[in-house]
N, C-alpha and C. Protein backbone atom coordinates (compact mmCIF):
# COMPACT_ATOMS: atom_id res chain seq x y z
N MET A 1 89.17 -68.84 -181.46
CA MET A 1 88.26 -69.79 -181.01
C MET A 1 87.79 -70.65 -182.20
N LEU A 2 87.85 -71.95 -182.04
CA LEU A 2 87.37 -72.91 -183.23
C LEU A 2 86.03 -73.60 -182.72
N ILE A 3 85.03 -73.47 -183.60
CA ILE A 3 83.86 -74.22 -183.38
C ILE A 3 83.81 -75.39 -184.29
N ARG A 4 83.68 -76.65 -183.83
CA ARG A 4 83.74 -77.82 -184.63
C ARG A 4 82.87 -78.87 -184.13
N GLU A 5 82.56 -79.83 -184.96
CA GLU A 5 81.75 -80.94 -184.34
C GLU A 5 82.55 -81.84 -183.34
N ALA A 6 81.79 -82.19 -182.34
CA ALA A 6 82.43 -83.18 -181.41
C ALA A 6 82.74 -84.44 -182.03
N LYS A 7 83.81 -85.03 -181.57
CA LYS A 7 84.24 -86.40 -181.90
C LYS A 7 83.53 -87.29 -180.84
N LYS A 8 83.16 -88.46 -181.41
CA LYS A 8 82.66 -89.61 -180.48
C LYS A 8 83.29 -89.79 -179.21
N ASN A 9 84.64 -89.84 -179.34
CA ASN A 9 85.55 -90.14 -178.23
C ASN A 9 85.61 -89.04 -177.19
N GLU A 10 84.90 -87.87 -177.52
CA GLU A 10 84.90 -86.76 -176.46
C GLU A 10 83.67 -86.70 -175.75
N PHE A 11 82.65 -87.37 -176.09
CA PHE A 11 81.30 -87.38 -175.48
C PHE A 11 81.26 -87.61 -173.97
N HIS A 12 82.25 -88.38 -173.46
CA HIS A 12 82.33 -88.67 -172.03
C HIS A 12 82.88 -87.46 -171.28
N LEU A 13 83.84 -86.90 -172.09
CA LEU A 13 84.36 -85.61 -171.38
C LEU A 13 83.32 -84.40 -171.37
N LEU A 14 82.55 -84.42 -172.50
CA LEU A 14 81.39 -83.33 -172.67
C LEU A 14 80.55 -83.54 -171.52
N LYS A 15 80.13 -84.78 -171.13
CA LYS A 15 79.19 -84.92 -170.16
C LYS A 15 79.73 -84.45 -168.76
N GLU A 16 80.91 -84.72 -168.47
CA GLU A 16 81.67 -84.28 -167.33
C GLU A 16 81.67 -82.72 -167.31
N GLN A 17 82.08 -82.10 -168.48
CA GLN A 17 81.97 -80.71 -168.54
C GLN A 17 80.80 -80.14 -168.19
N ARG A 18 79.64 -80.66 -168.80
CA ARG A 18 78.29 -80.18 -168.64
C ARG A 18 78.01 -80.12 -167.14
N LEU A 19 78.36 -81.36 -166.43
CA LEU A 19 77.96 -81.33 -165.05
C LEU A 19 78.68 -80.35 -164.29
N ASN A 20 80.02 -80.13 -164.42
CA ASN A 20 80.80 -79.15 -163.79
C ASN A 20 80.20 -77.76 -164.03
N SER A 21 79.88 -77.50 -165.29
CA SER A 21 79.33 -76.16 -165.75
C SER A 21 77.97 -75.86 -164.95
N TYR A 22 77.17 -76.94 -164.74
CA TYR A 22 75.89 -76.66 -164.10
C TYR A 22 75.87 -76.80 -162.55
N MET A 23 76.98 -77.30 -162.11
CA MET A 23 77.18 -77.59 -160.58
C MET A 23 76.73 -76.46 -159.67
N PRO A 24 77.00 -75.18 -160.02
CA PRO A 24 76.54 -74.00 -159.11
C PRO A 24 74.98 -74.01 -158.96
N TYR A 25 74.24 -74.59 -159.81
CA TYR A 25 72.83 -74.59 -159.74
C TYR A 25 72.32 -75.64 -158.67
N GLN A 26 73.23 -76.50 -158.26
CA GLN A 26 72.87 -77.76 -157.32
C GLN A 26 72.32 -76.90 -156.09
N GLU A 27 72.91 -75.93 -155.52
CA GLU A 27 72.62 -75.26 -154.22
C GLU A 27 71.30 -74.48 -154.41
N GLU A 28 70.85 -74.10 -155.64
CA GLU A 28 69.57 -73.35 -155.85
C GLU A 28 68.34 -74.30 -156.06
N LEU A 29 68.64 -75.53 -156.39
CA LEU A 29 67.46 -76.57 -156.63
C LEU A 29 67.20 -77.44 -155.58
N SER A 30 65.98 -77.97 -155.57
CA SER A 30 65.69 -79.08 -154.76
C SER A 30 66.42 -80.25 -155.02
N GLN A 31 66.72 -81.18 -154.13
CA GLN A 31 67.38 -82.40 -154.49
C GLN A 31 66.82 -83.14 -155.60
N LYS A 32 65.46 -83.19 -155.57
CA LYS A 32 64.82 -83.90 -156.69
C LYS A 32 64.93 -83.24 -158.02
N HIS A 33 64.89 -81.88 -158.03
CA HIS A 33 65.08 -81.17 -159.40
C HIS A 33 66.64 -81.19 -159.79
N TRP A 34 67.44 -81.18 -158.91
CA TRP A 34 68.91 -81.33 -159.12
C TRP A 34 69.16 -82.74 -159.82
N GLY A 35 68.45 -83.83 -159.26
CA GLY A 35 68.72 -85.19 -159.72
C GLY A 35 68.14 -85.27 -161.08
N LEU A 36 67.01 -84.63 -161.48
CA LEU A 36 66.55 -84.66 -162.78
C LEU A 36 67.49 -83.96 -163.75
N LEU A 37 67.88 -82.76 -163.43
CA LEU A 37 68.84 -82.01 -164.28
C LEU A 37 70.13 -82.73 -164.41
N LYS A 38 70.68 -83.32 -163.43
CA LYS A 38 71.84 -84.18 -163.46
C LYS A 38 71.73 -85.27 -164.46
N ALA A 39 70.63 -86.02 -164.26
CA ALA A 39 70.29 -87.22 -165.14
C ALA A 39 70.29 -86.80 -166.66
N ASN A 40 69.63 -85.66 -166.91
CA ASN A 40 69.46 -84.99 -168.18
C ASN A 40 70.81 -84.55 -168.82
N LEU A 41 71.73 -84.04 -167.98
CA LEU A 41 73.07 -83.68 -168.42
C LEU A 41 73.90 -84.93 -168.81
N ALA A 42 73.65 -86.10 -168.18
CA ALA A 42 74.29 -87.26 -168.40
C ALA A 42 73.62 -88.21 -169.45
N SER A 43 72.52 -87.76 -169.97
CA SER A 43 71.69 -88.58 -170.80
C SER A 43 72.51 -88.79 -172.13
N ASP A 44 72.09 -90.01 -172.78
CA ASP A 44 72.71 -90.19 -174.17
C ASP A 44 71.75 -89.63 -175.18
N ASN A 45 70.83 -88.74 -174.82
CA ASN A 45 69.87 -88.19 -175.82
C ASN A 45 70.57 -87.36 -176.91
N ASP A 46 71.79 -86.91 -176.72
CA ASP A 46 72.47 -86.22 -177.81
C ASP A 46 73.13 -87.01 -178.71
N GLN A 47 72.95 -88.42 -178.67
CA GLN A 47 73.57 -89.36 -179.56
C GLN A 47 72.53 -89.95 -180.52
N GLN A 48 71.38 -89.32 -180.55
CA GLN A 48 70.34 -89.85 -181.58
C GLN A 48 70.78 -89.47 -182.97
N PRO A 49 70.33 -90.22 -183.96
CA PRO A 49 70.59 -89.86 -185.31
C PRO A 49 70.20 -88.40 -185.55
N SER A 50 70.92 -87.77 -186.50
CA SER A 50 70.71 -86.33 -186.81
C SER A 50 70.93 -85.23 -185.83
N VAL A 51 71.16 -85.73 -184.54
CA VAL A 51 71.47 -84.76 -183.51
C VAL A 51 72.94 -84.25 -183.61
N GLU A 52 73.30 -83.19 -183.45
CA GLU A 52 74.72 -82.72 -183.70
C GLU A 52 75.21 -82.04 -182.51
N VAL A 53 76.56 -82.34 -182.05
CA VAL A 53 77.02 -81.80 -180.88
C VAL A 53 78.37 -81.01 -181.38
N PHE A 54 78.37 -79.80 -180.96
CA PHE A 54 79.38 -78.85 -181.39
C PHE A 54 80.15 -78.53 -180.05
N VAL A 55 81.51 -78.33 -180.36
CA VAL A 55 82.38 -77.79 -179.18
C VAL A 55 83.20 -76.52 -179.57
N ALA A 56 83.42 -75.69 -178.70
CA ALA A 56 84.22 -74.55 -178.89
C ALA A 56 85.71 -74.88 -178.37
N GLU A 57 86.60 -74.76 -179.05
CA GLU A 57 88.06 -75.02 -178.67
C GLU A 57 88.84 -73.69 -178.68
N ILE A 58 89.56 -73.59 -177.60
CA ILE A 58 90.50 -72.38 -177.32
C ILE A 58 91.81 -73.10 -176.93
N GLY A 59 92.80 -72.72 -177.71
CA GLY A 59 94.21 -73.28 -177.35
C GLY A 59 94.26 -74.65 -177.22
N GLY A 60 93.49 -75.46 -178.02
CA GLY A 60 93.49 -76.90 -178.07
C GLY A 60 92.65 -77.59 -176.91
N GLU A 61 92.03 -76.72 -176.02
CA GLU A 61 91.21 -77.23 -175.02
C GLU A 61 89.71 -77.02 -175.37
N ILE A 62 88.76 -77.91 -174.97
CA ILE A 62 87.42 -77.73 -175.08
C ILE A 62 86.93 -76.82 -174.02
N ALA A 63 86.40 -75.62 -174.47
CA ALA A 63 86.02 -74.70 -173.61
C ALA A 63 84.45 -74.73 -173.41
N GLY A 64 83.68 -75.33 -174.30
CA GLY A 64 82.18 -75.58 -174.02
C GLY A 64 81.70 -76.29 -175.26
N SER A 65 80.35 -76.54 -175.02
CA SER A 65 79.65 -77.39 -176.00
C SER A 65 78.19 -77.02 -176.07
N VAL A 66 77.60 -77.56 -177.18
CA VAL A 66 76.17 -77.28 -177.32
C VAL A 66 75.58 -78.39 -178.27
N VAL A 67 74.41 -78.71 -177.99
CA VAL A 67 73.74 -79.80 -178.89
C VAL A 67 72.63 -79.13 -179.57
N LEU A 68 72.60 -79.58 -180.92
CA LEU A 68 71.45 -79.02 -181.85
C LEU A 68 70.62 -80.27 -182.22
N PHE A 69 69.36 -80.17 -182.01
CA PHE A 69 68.46 -81.12 -182.27
C PHE A 69 67.85 -80.67 -183.61
N PRO A 70 67.50 -81.51 -184.60
CA PRO A 70 66.99 -81.12 -185.81
C PRO A 70 65.34 -80.87 -185.48
N ALA A 71 64.73 -80.17 -186.45
CA ALA A 71 63.28 -79.96 -186.28
C ALA A 71 62.55 -81.30 -186.22
N ALA A 72 61.51 -81.22 -185.35
CA ALA A 72 60.60 -82.29 -185.17
C ALA A 72 61.23 -83.54 -184.45
N SER A 73 62.24 -83.33 -183.73
CA SER A 73 62.89 -84.43 -183.00
C SER A 73 62.58 -84.46 -181.52
N LYS A 74 62.81 -85.47 -180.87
CA LYS A 74 62.48 -85.55 -179.39
C LYS A 74 63.70 -85.15 -178.49
N ALA A 75 63.60 -83.86 -178.23
CA ALA A 75 64.83 -83.26 -177.47
C ALA A 75 64.82 -83.55 -176.10
N TYR A 76 63.61 -83.89 -175.40
CA TYR A 76 63.57 -84.05 -174.01
C TYR A 76 63.10 -85.48 -173.69
N ASP A 77 63.68 -86.23 -172.76
CA ASP A 77 63.31 -87.57 -172.45
C ASP A 77 61.89 -87.56 -171.84
N TRP A 78 61.49 -86.48 -171.19
CA TRP A 78 60.19 -86.64 -170.36
C TRP A 78 59.00 -85.93 -171.13
N LYS A 79 59.28 -85.33 -172.29
CA LYS A 79 58.22 -84.68 -173.13
C LYS A 79 57.93 -85.66 -174.26
N THR A 80 56.70 -85.71 -174.57
CA THR A 80 56.34 -86.63 -175.79
C THR A 80 56.06 -85.91 -177.08
N ASP A 81 55.90 -84.51 -177.00
CA ASP A 81 55.72 -83.79 -178.20
C ASP A 81 57.09 -83.31 -178.74
N THR A 82 57.03 -82.79 -179.94
CA THR A 82 58.18 -82.16 -180.72
C THR A 82 57.96 -80.82 -181.05
N ILE A 83 58.92 -80.23 -181.49
CA ILE A 83 58.95 -78.72 -181.96
C ILE A 83 59.13 -78.78 -183.44
N ALA A 84 58.56 -77.91 -184.20
CA ALA A 84 58.63 -78.00 -185.75
C ALA A 84 59.96 -77.25 -186.13
N TYR A 85 60.83 -76.86 -185.26
CA TYR A 85 62.04 -76.18 -185.67
C TYR A 85 63.12 -76.75 -184.83
N PRO A 86 64.52 -76.54 -185.31
CA PRO A 86 65.66 -77.01 -184.53
C PRO A 86 65.63 -76.51 -183.11
N GLU A 87 66.16 -77.29 -182.11
CA GLU A 87 66.18 -76.90 -180.82
C GLU A 87 67.68 -76.85 -180.21
N ILE A 88 68.21 -75.87 -179.64
CA ILE A 88 69.44 -75.83 -179.06
C ILE A 88 69.25 -76.36 -177.54
N ARG A 89 70.15 -77.23 -177.21
CA ARG A 89 70.12 -77.91 -175.88
C ARG A 89 71.52 -77.91 -175.30
N LEU A 90 71.55 -78.05 -173.88
CA LEU A 90 72.59 -78.50 -173.18
C LEU A 90 73.87 -77.55 -173.38
N LEU A 91 73.65 -76.25 -173.51
CA LEU A 91 74.81 -75.31 -173.75
C LEU A 91 75.49 -75.25 -172.36
N ALA A 92 76.90 -75.63 -172.47
CA ALA A 92 77.75 -75.59 -171.28
C ALA A 92 79.10 -74.99 -171.54
N VAL A 93 79.55 -74.11 -170.70
CA VAL A 93 80.83 -73.49 -170.81
C VAL A 93 81.57 -73.84 -169.61
N SER A 94 82.77 -74.33 -169.69
CA SER A 94 83.62 -74.63 -168.58
C SER A 94 83.87 -73.34 -167.77
N PRO A 95 83.91 -73.61 -166.56
CA PRO A 95 84.05 -72.33 -165.64
C PRO A 95 85.31 -71.53 -165.85
N ASN A 96 86.34 -72.28 -166.43
CA ASN A 96 87.65 -71.63 -166.71
C ASN A 96 87.54 -70.82 -168.03
N PHE A 97 86.54 -70.87 -168.78
CA PHE A 97 86.34 -70.13 -169.92
C PHE A 97 85.25 -69.12 -170.01
N ARG A 98 84.61 -68.92 -168.84
CA ARG A 98 83.46 -67.94 -168.72
C ARG A 98 83.81 -66.64 -169.15
N SER A 99 82.83 -65.82 -169.55
CA SER A 99 82.98 -64.43 -169.86
C SER A 99 84.05 -64.17 -171.03
N ARG A 100 84.05 -65.12 -171.94
CA ARG A 100 84.90 -65.04 -173.09
C ARG A 100 84.24 -65.14 -174.44
N GLY A 101 82.89 -65.23 -174.38
CA GLY A 101 82.08 -65.25 -175.52
C GLY A 101 81.93 -66.66 -176.07
N VAL A 102 82.19 -67.71 -175.21
CA VAL A 102 82.16 -69.01 -175.80
C VAL A 102 80.64 -69.43 -175.99
N GLY A 103 79.82 -69.23 -174.93
CA GLY A 103 78.39 -69.45 -175.09
C GLY A 103 77.71 -68.80 -176.27
N LYS A 104 77.99 -67.57 -176.52
CA LYS A 104 77.43 -66.80 -177.55
C LYS A 104 77.94 -67.39 -178.88
N ALA A 105 79.17 -67.72 -178.86
CA ALA A 105 79.64 -68.27 -180.25
C ALA A 105 79.08 -69.67 -180.64
N LEU A 106 78.83 -70.49 -179.63
CA LEU A 106 78.25 -71.72 -179.83
C LEU A 106 76.70 -71.53 -180.29
N VAL A 107 76.04 -70.59 -179.69
CA VAL A 107 74.67 -70.42 -179.93
C VAL A 107 74.63 -69.78 -181.42
N GLU A 108 75.46 -68.82 -181.76
CA GLU A 108 75.57 -68.21 -183.05
C GLU A 108 75.88 -69.35 -184.19
N HIS A 109 76.67 -70.38 -183.86
CA HIS A 109 76.90 -71.46 -184.64
C HIS A 109 75.63 -72.19 -185.00
N CYS A 110 74.90 -72.56 -184.07
CA CYS A 110 73.68 -73.22 -184.23
C CYS A 110 72.78 -72.37 -185.20
N ILE A 111 72.68 -71.09 -184.93
CA ILE A 111 71.88 -70.18 -185.60
C ILE A 111 72.36 -70.24 -187.13
N ASP A 112 73.53 -70.04 -187.38
CA ASP A 112 74.17 -70.03 -188.80
C ASP A 112 73.76 -71.30 -189.46
N ILE A 113 73.92 -72.48 -188.79
CA ILE A 113 73.63 -73.75 -189.40
C ILE A 113 72.15 -73.87 -189.78
N SER A 114 71.31 -73.43 -188.93
CA SER A 114 69.80 -73.41 -189.17
C SER A 114 69.57 -72.45 -190.29
N LYS A 115 70.21 -71.34 -190.40
CA LYS A 115 69.94 -70.47 -191.53
C LYS A 115 70.34 -71.08 -192.83
N ILE A 116 71.44 -71.85 -192.70
CA ILE A 116 71.96 -72.46 -194.05
C ILE A 116 70.79 -73.56 -194.53
N ARG A 117 70.30 -74.17 -193.51
CA ARG A 117 69.31 -75.20 -193.82
C ARG A 117 67.86 -74.72 -194.08
N LYS A 118 67.83 -73.45 -194.20
CA LYS A 118 66.56 -72.75 -194.55
C LYS A 118 65.38 -72.87 -193.57
N GLN A 119 65.85 -72.94 -192.25
CA GLN A 119 64.87 -73.10 -191.25
C GLN A 119 64.22 -71.70 -190.95
N ARG A 120 63.02 -71.50 -190.56
CA ARG A 120 62.50 -70.26 -190.19
C ARG A 120 62.78 -69.81 -188.74
N PHE A 121 62.94 -70.85 -187.86
CA PHE A 121 63.13 -70.51 -186.54
C PHE A 121 64.16 -71.40 -185.94
N ILE A 122 64.70 -71.05 -184.70
CA ILE A 122 65.46 -72.03 -183.92
C ILE A 122 65.00 -71.72 -182.47
N GLY A 123 64.81 -72.75 -181.71
CA GLY A 123 64.39 -72.60 -180.36
C GLY A 123 65.32 -73.21 -179.23
N LEU A 124 64.93 -72.84 -178.04
CA LEU A 124 65.55 -73.36 -176.84
C LEU A 124 64.77 -73.35 -175.59
N HIS A 125 65.05 -74.17 -174.65
CA HIS A 125 64.39 -73.92 -173.35
C HIS A 125 65.54 -73.87 -172.23
N THR A 126 65.22 -73.11 -171.29
CA THR A 126 66.07 -72.92 -170.20
C THR A 126 65.26 -72.65 -168.86
N GLY A 127 65.94 -73.17 -167.86
CA GLY A 127 65.30 -73.15 -166.47
C GLY A 127 65.16 -71.69 -165.98
N SER A 128 64.03 -71.46 -165.33
CA SER A 128 63.76 -69.98 -164.87
C SER A 128 64.87 -69.52 -163.89
N PHE A 129 65.73 -70.45 -163.38
CA PHE A 129 66.74 -70.22 -162.41
C PHE A 129 68.02 -69.80 -163.16
N MET A 130 68.06 -69.97 -164.47
CA MET A 130 69.31 -69.70 -165.16
C MET A 130 69.30 -68.24 -165.75
N ILE A 131 69.56 -67.41 -164.89
CA ILE A 131 69.40 -65.82 -165.06
C ILE A 131 70.42 -65.42 -166.06
N ASN A 132 71.72 -65.84 -166.05
CA ASN A 132 72.69 -65.43 -167.00
C ASN A 132 72.42 -65.88 -168.38
N ALA A 133 71.91 -67.22 -168.51
CA ALA A 133 71.52 -67.74 -169.89
C ALA A 133 70.41 -66.94 -170.50
N ILE A 134 69.45 -66.67 -169.66
CA ILE A 134 68.28 -65.89 -170.18
C ILE A 134 68.57 -64.57 -170.60
N ALA A 135 69.59 -63.93 -169.89
CA ALA A 135 69.91 -62.58 -170.33
C ALA A 135 70.78 -62.68 -171.70
N LEU A 136 71.61 -63.67 -171.76
CA LEU A 136 72.31 -63.96 -173.13
C LEU A 136 71.36 -64.10 -174.19
N TYR A 137 70.40 -65.00 -174.05
CA TYR A 137 69.53 -65.35 -175.16
C TYR A 137 68.67 -64.05 -175.45
N GLU A 138 68.22 -63.45 -174.53
CA GLU A 138 67.36 -62.14 -174.72
C GLU A 138 68.24 -61.07 -175.51
N LYS A 139 69.58 -60.97 -175.22
CA LYS A 139 70.49 -59.97 -175.76
C LYS A 139 70.59 -60.44 -177.21
N MET A 140 70.70 -61.72 -177.42
CA MET A 140 70.83 -62.17 -178.80
C MET A 140 69.58 -62.05 -179.70
N GLY A 141 68.46 -61.66 -179.06
CA GLY A 141 67.40 -61.65 -180.01
C GLY A 141 66.33 -62.69 -179.80
N PHE A 142 66.53 -63.67 -179.00
CA PHE A 142 65.57 -64.73 -178.79
C PHE A 142 64.30 -64.11 -178.08
N GLU A 143 63.13 -64.66 -178.54
CA GLU A 143 62.01 -64.11 -177.94
C GLU A 143 61.22 -65.22 -177.14
N ARG A 144 60.49 -64.85 -176.00
CA ARG A 144 59.81 -65.87 -175.17
C ARG A 144 58.67 -66.41 -176.01
N VAL A 145 58.38 -67.72 -175.75
CA VAL A 145 57.20 -68.33 -176.34
C VAL A 145 56.61 -69.13 -175.16
N ALA A 146 55.91 -68.42 -174.40
CA ALA A 146 55.38 -69.05 -173.16
C ALA A 146 54.45 -70.22 -173.32
N SER A 147 53.88 -70.32 -174.45
CA SER A 147 52.90 -71.41 -174.81
C SER A 147 53.75 -72.69 -174.85
N LEU A 148 54.97 -72.63 -175.00
CA LEU A 148 55.75 -73.88 -175.09
C LEU A 148 56.63 -74.20 -173.75
N ASP A 149 56.34 -73.47 -172.79
CA ASP A 149 57.06 -73.65 -171.47
C ASP A 149 56.52 -75.00 -170.89
N PHE A 150 57.33 -75.53 -169.94
CA PHE A 150 56.77 -76.56 -169.18
C PHE A 150 57.47 -76.73 -167.87
N THR A 151 56.73 -77.50 -166.94
CA THR A 151 57.42 -77.74 -165.65
C THR A 151 57.53 -79.13 -165.37
N PRO A 152 58.82 -79.55 -165.33
CA PRO A 152 58.99 -81.04 -165.29
C PRO A 152 58.76 -81.64 -163.82
N LEU A 153 58.77 -80.80 -162.88
CA LEU A 153 58.35 -81.25 -161.53
C LEU A 153 57.53 -80.09 -160.94
N ASP A 154 56.78 -80.52 -159.90
CA ASP A 154 55.83 -79.57 -159.24
C ASP A 154 56.59 -78.78 -158.11
N ASP A 155 57.57 -78.02 -158.55
CA ASP A 155 58.41 -77.32 -157.61
C ASP A 155 58.39 -75.83 -157.87
N GLY A 156 57.72 -75.39 -158.81
CA GLY A 156 57.69 -73.88 -159.17
C GLY A 156 58.71 -73.42 -160.23
N ILE A 157 59.57 -74.42 -160.56
CA ILE A 157 60.58 -73.97 -161.62
C ILE A 157 59.93 -74.37 -163.03
N VAL A 158 60.05 -73.21 -163.81
CA VAL A 158 59.48 -73.35 -165.17
C VAL A 158 60.63 -73.39 -166.05
N VAL A 159 60.45 -74.29 -167.04
CA VAL A 159 61.57 -74.38 -168.11
C VAL A 159 60.98 -73.53 -169.27
N LYS A 160 61.52 -72.46 -169.45
CA LYS A 160 60.93 -71.31 -170.32
C LYS A 160 61.41 -71.55 -171.82
N ALA A 161 60.60 -71.38 -172.64
CA ALA A 161 60.89 -71.50 -174.21
C ALA A 161 61.14 -70.21 -174.68
N PHE A 162 62.09 -70.20 -175.63
CA PHE A 162 62.63 -69.11 -176.48
C PHE A 162 62.79 -69.50 -177.80
N ARG A 163 62.51 -68.54 -178.79
CA ARG A 163 62.57 -68.80 -180.19
C ARG A 163 63.25 -67.58 -180.75
N TYR A 164 64.22 -67.87 -181.90
CA TYR A 164 64.68 -66.81 -182.61
C TYR A 164 64.35 -66.95 -184.08
N ASN A 165 63.89 -65.81 -184.61
CA ASN A 165 63.38 -65.76 -186.00
C ASN A 165 64.64 -65.77 -186.88
N LEU A 166 64.61 -66.72 -187.78
CA LEU A 166 65.88 -66.75 -188.71
C LEU A 166 65.47 -65.87 -190.02
């Protein structure tokens, strides 16, 4: 597996892959919440200056991607505050490549980069309905930071904050 920086001409493909990766959640969410998530997946928020997009490549095919926002950047369209450390966002693994360590490898890559940059922490947020993602993050050593949780809609779904000590 090769982890590399995404090329600009791949961004459209990555958005499609994100949408396909998150599609199973459509049945679990209200139409309004799915609409918000879908808009978020298609957003150009990952093309801000200093934001990095990485892909995992297996056999010449893009198996997954992740976005790394630098410390103190605006990682969410609907939130006005920023976090003082890097934030992992939009982790997506193609259904054809699941259970092969792609998601873990992409998260580890973001951790390694943040360590090199002498950051103290790296964070992420994930929906309370993303049970497999939460299990992965906890297994990797991420800890909950409930004070940074948020609810984008009044539908009971909490976007849970996690942080990893570097």
